Amino acid sequence: MKEDQTKEWLLFVYKVPKEPSTQRVKVWRKLKDMGAFYIQQSVAIMPYFEEAGKEILQIALDIRNNGGESYAFTVHNISDKDSNMLIANFNKQRDEEYQELIDKCEDFLKEIQKETERENFTFAELEENDEELDKLKRWHEKINKRDFFNAPKRDSALRIIEECENALKEFSNKIYQREGMA
């Protein structure tokens, strides 16, 4: 989604009972997973798209079924200044997530380098690193899905994921060579 495509916003306001706190956490987690931005406590906004609208309606129903209140609004008229502020906040959230991912990818690359220097070319090490790379890629996909406005660190995150893939490929080639399978 590009900045100039944001004509509608989905505003969600809710109130859940204080106890049990699990309901409040559940709602917060779902909205964060969707990529919503909290304007203030229990007030979230995100660009409108059909899938998000359906998910919000399901969250609203769940809240109401558990003794809470919720209201979903489609907002059509928003000033350019406010829209730009919202987009900047969305990008800030995504950049923070991308940076955390980038940091974990750098750790992954250091691990591959360490194991290469130790010549620890085993299938067990390959399997462990392959699983770690899969986690990093799934995490990247989640962030990317809620990156509505192409946050500045998006490309850096993609590049380091590719770097991790290449490093693991080189590492696996060394294992196959050592085992006489290449």
C-alpha atoms as a PDB file:
ATOM      1  CA  MET A   1       0.000   0.000   0.000  1.00  0.00           C
ATOM      2  CA  LYS A   2       1.414   3.376  -0.964  1.00  0.00           C
ATOM      3  CA  GLU A   3       0.909   6.636   0.899  1.00  0.00           C
ATOM      4  CA  ASP A   4      -1.258   8.161  -1.835  1.00  0.00           C
ATOM      5  CA  GLN A   5      -3.566   5.139  -1.758  1.00  0.00           C
ATOM      6  CA  THR A   6      -4.673   5.771   1.829  1.00  0.00           C
ATOM      7  CA  LYS A   7      -8.103   7.254   1.371  1.00  0.00           C
ATOM      8  CA  GLU A   8      -9.836   5.393   4.168  1.00  0.00           C
ATOM      9  CA  TRP A   9      -8.839   4.450   7.677  1.00  0.00           C
ATOM     10  CA  LEU A  10     -10.318   1.930  10.052  1.00  0.00           C
ATOM     11  CA  LEU A  11     -10.725   3.327  13.565  1.00  0.00           C
ATOM     12  CA  PHE A  12     -11.447   0.873  16.372  1.00  0.00           C
ATOM     13  CA  VAL A  13     -12.449   1.900  19.882  1.00  0.00           C
ATOM     14  CA  TYR A  14     -13.054  -0.672  22.575  1.00  0.00           C
ATOM     15  CA  LYS A  15     -13.454  -1.265  26.272  1.00  0.00           C
ATOM     16  CA  VAL A  16     -12.987  -4.663  27.894  1.00  0.00           C
ATOM     17  CA  PRO A  17     -13.727  -5.651  31.491  1.00  0.00           C
ATOM     18  CA  LYS A  18     -10.738  -5.320  33.841  1.00  0.00           C
ATOM     19  CA  GLU A  19     -10.873  -8.987  34.749  1.00  0.00           C
ATOM     20  CA  PRO A  20      -9.798 -11.321  33.406  1.00  0.00           C
ATOM     21  CA  SER A  21      -6.872  -9.463  31.856  1.00  0.00           C
ATOM     22  CA  THR A  22      -6.460 -12.187  29.236  1.00  0.00           C
ATOM     23  CA  GLN A  23      -9.200 -10.586  27.103  1.00  0.00           C
ATOM     24  CA  ARG A  24      -7.390  -7.228  27.060  1.00  0.00           C
ATOM     25  CA  VAL A  25      -4.089  -8.907  26.130  1.00  0.00           C
ATOM     26  CA  LYS A  26      -5.772 -10.999  23.452  1.00  0.00           C
ATOM     27  CA  VAL A  27      -7.306  -7.937  21.779  1.00  0.00           C
ATOM     28  CA  TRP A  28      -4.069  -5.970  22.022  1.00  0.00           C
ATOM     29  CA  ARG A  29      -2.094  -8.849  20.492  1.00  0.00           C
ATOM     30  CA  LYS A  30      -4.536  -9.323  17.598  1.00  0.00           C
ATOM     31  CA  LEU A  31      -4.518  -5.632  16.749  1.00  0.00           C
ATOM     32  CA  LYS A  32      -0.718  -5.428  16.936  1.00  0.00           C
ATOM     33  CA  ASP A  33      -0.420  -8.538  14.735  1.00  0.00           C
ATOM     34  CA  MET A  34      -2.662  -6.816  12.185  1.00  0.00           C
ATOM     35  CA  GLY A  35      -0.365  -3.796  12.242  1.00  0.00           C
ATOM     36  CA  ALA A  36      -2.735  -1.364  13.941  1.00  0.00           C
ATOM     37  CA  PHE A  37      -1.354   1.799  15.511  1.00  0.00           C
ATOM     38  CA  TYR A  38      -2.628   2.761  18.947  1.00  0.00           C
ATOM     39  CA  ILE A  39      -3.614   6.426  19.022  1.00  0.00           C
ATOM     40  CA  GLN A  40      -4.257   6.024  22.730  1.00  0.00           C
ATOM     41  CA  GLN A  41      -5.288   3.253  25.090  1.00  0.00           C
ATOM     42  CA  SER A  42      -8.049   1.140  23.520  1.00  0.00           C
ATOM     43  CA  VAL A  43      -8.161   3.286  20.360  1.00  0.00           C
ATOM     44  CA  ALA A  44      -6.428   1.826  17.322  1.00  0.00           C
ATOM     45  CA  ILE A  45      -6.296   2.846  13.678  1.00  0.00           C
ATOM     46  CA  MET A  46      -5.054   1.288  10.485  1.00  0.00           C
ATOM     47  CA  PRO A  47      -5.502   1.725   6.755  1.00  0.00           C
ATOM     48  CA  TYR A  48      -8.805   0.301   5.639  1.00  0.00           C
ATOM     49  CA  PHE A  49      -8.803  -2.828   3.514  1.00  0.00           C
ATOM     50  CA  GLU A  50     -11.474  -5.507   3.333  1.00  0.00           C
ATOM     51  CA  GLU A  51      -9.573  -8.228   5.211  1.00  0.00           C
ATOM     52  CA  ALA A  52      -8.816  -5.842   8.092  1.00  0.00           C
ATOM     53  CA  GLY A  53     -12.457  -4.821   8.259  1.00  0.00           C
ATOM     54  CA  LYS A  54     -13.519  -8.451   8.597  1.00  0.00           C
ATOM     55  CA  GLU A  55     -10.906  -9.132  11.282  1.00  0.00           C
ATOM     56  CA  ILE A  56     -11.959  -6.041  13.252  1.00  0.00           C
ATOM     57  CA  LEU A  57     -15.602  -7.128  13.144  1.00  0.00           C
ATOM     58  CA  GLN A  58     -14.580 -10.526  14.542  1.00  0.00           C
ATOM     59  CA  ILE A  59     -12.560  -8.878  17.325  1.00  0.00           C
ATOM     60  CA  ALA A  60     -15.523  -6.579  18.075  1.00  0.00           C
ATOM     61  CA  LEU A  61     -17.869  -9.555  18.318  1.00  0.00           C
ATOM     62  CA  ASP A  62     -15.457 -11.355  20.635  1.00  0.00           C
ATOM     63  CA  ILE A  63     -15.205  -8.286  22.869  1.00  0.00           C
ATOM     64  CA  ARG A  64     -18.994  -7.917  23.060  1.00  0.00           C
ATOM     65  CA  ASN A  65     -19.455 -11.636  23.749  1.00  0.00           C
ATOM     66  CA  ASN A  66     -17.107 -11.231  26.715  1.00  0.00           C
ATOM     67  CA  GLY A  67     -18.895  -8.280  28.309  1.00  0.00           C
ATOM     68  CA  GLY A  68     -17.061  -5.420  26.623  1.00  0.00           C
ATOM     69  CA  GLU A  69     -17.910  -2.626  24.222  1.00  0.00           C
ATOM     70  CA  SER A  70     -16.464  -1.919  20.796  1.00  0.00           C
ATOM     71  CA  TYR A  71     -17.020   0.431  17.901  1.00  0.00           C
ATOM     72  CA  ALA A  72     -15.503   0.298  14.440  1.00  0.00           C
ATOM     73  CA  PHE A  73     -15.536   3.318  12.135  1.00  0.00           C
ATOM     74  CA  THR A  74     -14.402   3.850   8.594  1.00  0.00           C
ATOM     75  CA  VAL A  75     -12.864   7.304   8.445  1.00  0.00           C
ATOM     76  CA  HIS A  76     -12.951   9.010   5.053  1.00  0.00           C
ATOM     77  CA  ASN A  77     -12.005  12.599   5.770  1.00  0.00           C
ATOM     78  CA  ILE A  78      -8.629  13.073   7.349  1.00  0.00           C
ATOM     79  CA  SER A  79      -6.290  15.979   6.808  1.00  0.00           C
ATOM     80  CA  ASP A  80      -3.063  15.460   4.893  1.00  0.00           C
ATOM     81  CA  LYS A  81      -1.154  16.539   7.992  1.00  0.00           C
ATOM     82  CA  ASP A  82      -2.869  13.916  10.172  1.00  0.00           C
ATOM     83  CA  SER A  83      -2.521  11.270   7.492  1.00  0.00           C
ATOM     84  CA  ASN A  84       1.199  11.995   7.168  1.00  0.00           C
ATOM     85  CA  MET A  85       1.592  11.833  10.957  1.00  0.00           C
ATOM     86  CA  LEU A  86      -0.167   8.469  11.061  1.00  0.00           C
ATOM     87  CA  ILE A  87       1.960   7.112   8.222  1.00  0.00           C
ATOM     88  CA  ALA A  88       5.114   8.305   9.996  1.00  0.00           C
ATOM     89  CA  ASN A  89       3.991   6.493  13.160  1.00  0.00           C
ATOM     90  CA  PHE A  90       3.233   3.305  11.229  1.00  0.00           C
ATOM     91  CA  ASN A  91       6.665   3.468   9.585  1.00  0.00           C
ATOM     92  CA  LYS A  92       8.342   4.088  12.936  1.00  0.00           C
ATOM     93  CA  GLN A  93       6.701   0.952  14.379  1.00  0.00           C
ATOM     94  CA  ARG A  94       7.714  -1.149  11.387  1.00  0.00           C
ATOM     95  CA  ASP A  95      11.268   0.215  11.403  1.00  0.00           C
ATOM     96  CA  GLU A  96      11.611  -0.777  15.061  1.00  0.00           C
ATOM     97  CA  GLU A  97      10.464  -4.281  14.163  1.00  0.00           C
ATOM     98  CA  TYR A  98      12.729  -4.430  11.122  1.00  0.00           C
ATOM     99  CA  GLN A  99      15.689  -3.283  13.224  1.00  0.00           C
ATOM    100  CA  GLU A 100      15.089  -6.033  15.761  1.00  0.00           C
ATOM    101  CA  LEU A 101      14.946  -8.541  12.903  1.00  0.00           C
ATOM    102  CA  ILE A 102      18.127  -7.105  11.387  1.00  0.00           C
ATOM    103  CA  ASP A 103      19.880  -7.471  14.750  1.00  0.00           C
ATOM    104  CA  LYS A 104      18.828 -11.133  14.980  1.00  0.00           C
ATOM    105  CA  CYS A 105      19.990 -11.705  11.401  1.00  0.00           C
ATOM    106  CA  GLU A 106      23.376 -10.241  12.284  1.00  0.00           C
ATOM    107  CA  ASP A 107      23.538 -12.695  15.184  1.00  0.00           C
ATOM    108  CA  PHE A 108      22.696 -15.489  12.746  1.00  0.00           C
ATOM    109  CA  LEU A 109      25.502 -14.425  10.408  1.00  0.00           C
ATOM    110  CA  LYS A 110      27.964 -14.322  13.323  1.00  0.00           C
ATOM    111  CA  GLU A 111      26.902 -17.843  14.299  1.00  0.00           C
ATOM    112  CA  ILE A 112      27.501 -19.127  10.762  1.00  0.00           C
ATOM    113  CA  GLN A 113      30.893 -17.408  10.725  1.00  0.00           C
ATOM    114  CA  LYS A 114      31.813 -18.877  14.119  1.00  0.00           C
ATOM    115  CA  GLU A 115      30.850 -22.400  13.068  1.00  0.00           C
ATOM    116  CA  THR A 116      32.735 -21.982   9.794  1.00  0.00           C
ATOM    117  CA  GLU A 117      35.867 -20.833  11.628  1.00  0.00           C
ATOM    118  CA  ARG A 118      35.544 -23.828  13.970  1.00  0.00           C
ATOM    119  CA  GLU A 119      34.962 -26.030  10.910  1.00  0.00           C
ATOM    120  CA  ASN A 120      31.896 -27.442  12.608  1.00  0.00           C
ATOM    121  CA  PHE A 121      30.490 -28.764   9.355  1.00  0.00           C
ATOM    122  CA  THR A 122      27.863 -31.202  10.634  1.00  0.00           C
ATOM    123  CA  PHE A 123      24.349 -31.979   9.532  1.00  0.00           C
ATOM    124  CA  ALA A 124      23.146 -31.266  13.075  1.00  0.00           C
ATOM    125  CA  GLU A 125      24.592 -27.747  12.864  1.00  0.00           C
ATOM    126  CA  LEU A 126      23.029 -27.295   9.422  1.00  0.00           C
ATOM    127  CA  GLU A 127      19.631 -28.396  10.701  1.00  0.00           C
ATOM    128  CA  GLU A 128      19.831 -26.038  13.680  1.00  0.00           C
ATOM    129  CA  ASN A 129      20.765 -23.078  11.487  1.00  0.00           C
ATOM    130  CA  ASP A 130      18.188 -23.980   8.868  1.00  0.00           C
ATOM    131  CA  GLU A 131      15.467 -23.895  11.541  1.00  0.00           C
ATOM    132  CA  GLU A 132      16.741 -20.537  12.785  1.00  0.00           C
ATOM    133  CA  LEU A 133      16.690 -19.096   9.274  1.00  0.00           C
ATOM    134  CA  ASP A 134      13.125 -20.350   8.793  1.00  0.00           C
ATOM    135  CA  LYS A 135      12.102 -18.484  11.984  1.00  0.00           C
ATOM    136  CA  LEU A 136      13.772 -15.302  10.740  1.00  0.00           C
ATOM    137  CA  LYS A 137      12.039 -15.574   7.364  1.00  0.00           C
ATOM    138  CA  ARG A 138       8.615 -16.151   8.958  1.00  0.00           C
ATOM    139  CA  TRP A 139       9.196 -13.161  11.233  1.00  0.00           C
ATOM    140  CA  HIS A 140      10.162 -11.066   8.211  1.00  0.00           C
ATOM    141  CA  GLU A 141       6.963 -12.111   6.416  1.00  0.00           C
ATOM    142  CA  LYS A 142       4.852 -11.051   9.408  1.00  0.00           C
ATOM    143  CA  ILE A 143       6.485  -7.635   9.589  1.00  0.00           C
ATOM    144  CA  ASN A 144       6.303  -7.200   5.837  1.00  0.00           C
ATOM    145  CA  LYS A 145       2.586  -8.031   5.831  1.00  0.00           C
ATOM    146  CA  ARG A 146       1.829  -5.172   8.216  1.00  0.00           C
ATOM    147  CA  ASP A 147       4.246  -2.745   6.547  1.00  0.00           C
ATOM    148  CA  PHE A 148       1.507  -0.795   4.778  1.00  0.00           C
ATOM    149  CA  PHE A 149       3.673   2.169   3.757  1.00  0.00           C
ATOM    150  CA  ASN A 150       7.068   0.691   2.814  1.00  0.00           C
ATOM    151  CA  ALA A 151       8.989   1.691   5.935  1.00  0.00           C
ATOM    152  CA  PRO A 152      12.555   2.908   5.325  1.00  0.00           C
ATOM    153  CA  LYS A 153      14.211  -0.225   6.788  1.00  0.00           C
ATOM    154  CA  ARG A 154      12.146  -2.592   4.643  1.00  0.00           C
ATOM    155  CA  ASP A 155      14.846  -2.983   1.971  1.00  0.00           C
ATOM    156  CA  SER A 156      17.631  -3.417   4.542  1.00  0.00           C
ATOM    157  CA  ALA A 157      15.676  -6.215   6.200  1.00  0.00           C
ATOM    158  CA  LEU A 158      15.137  -7.957   2.882  1.00  0.00           C
ATOM    159  CA  ARG A 159      18.826  -7.646   1.989  1.00  0.00           C
ATOM    160  CA  ILE A 160      20.014  -9.156   5.266  1.00  0.00           C
ATOM    161  CA  ILE A 161      17.520 -12.036   4.984  1.00  0.00           C
ATOM    162  CA  GLU A 162      19.003 -12.751   1.540  1.00  0.00           C
ATOM    163  CA  GLU A 163      22.499 -12.496   3.040  1.00  0.00           C
ATOM    164  CA  CYS A 164      21.517 -15.056   5.684  1.00  0.00           C
ATOM    165  CA  GLU A 165      20.153 -17.383   2.996  1.00  0.00           C
ATOM    166  CA  ASN A 166      23.392 -17.112   1.028  1.00  0.00           C
ATOM    167  CA  ALA A 167      25.533 -17.686   4.127  1.00  0.00           C
ATOM    168  CA  LEU A 168      23.574 -20.810   5.015  1.00  0.00           C
ATOM    169  CA  LYS A 169      23.822 -22.044   1.439  1.00  0.00           C
ATOM    170  CA  GLU A 170      27.621 -21.649   1.501  1.00  0.00           C
ATOM    171  CA  PHE A 171      27.769 -23.369   4.892  1.00  0.00           C
ATOM    172  CA  SER A 172      25.677 -26.287   3.623  1.00  0.00           C
ATOM    173  CA  ASN A 173      27.868 -26.601   0.519  1.00  0.00           C
ATOM    174  CA  LYS A 174      30.905 -27.001   2.780  1.00  0.00           C
ATOM    175  CA  ILE A 175      29.124 -29.751   4.700  1.00  0.00           C
ATOM    176  CA  TYR A 176      28.195 -31.587   1.492  1.00  0.00           C
ATOM    177  CA  GLN A 177      31.770 -31.250   0.228  1.00  0.00           C
ATOM    178  CA  ARG A 178      33.172 -32.588   3.464  1.00  0.00           C
ATOM    179  CA  GLU A 179      30.783 -35.529   3.322  1.00  0.00           C
ATOM    180  CA  GLY A 180      31.680 -36.173  -0.322  1.00  0.00           C
ATOM    181  CA  MET A 181      28.176 -35.350  -1.512  1.00  0.00           C
ATOM    182  CA  ALA A 182      28.978 -32.348  -3.710  1.00  0.00           C
END
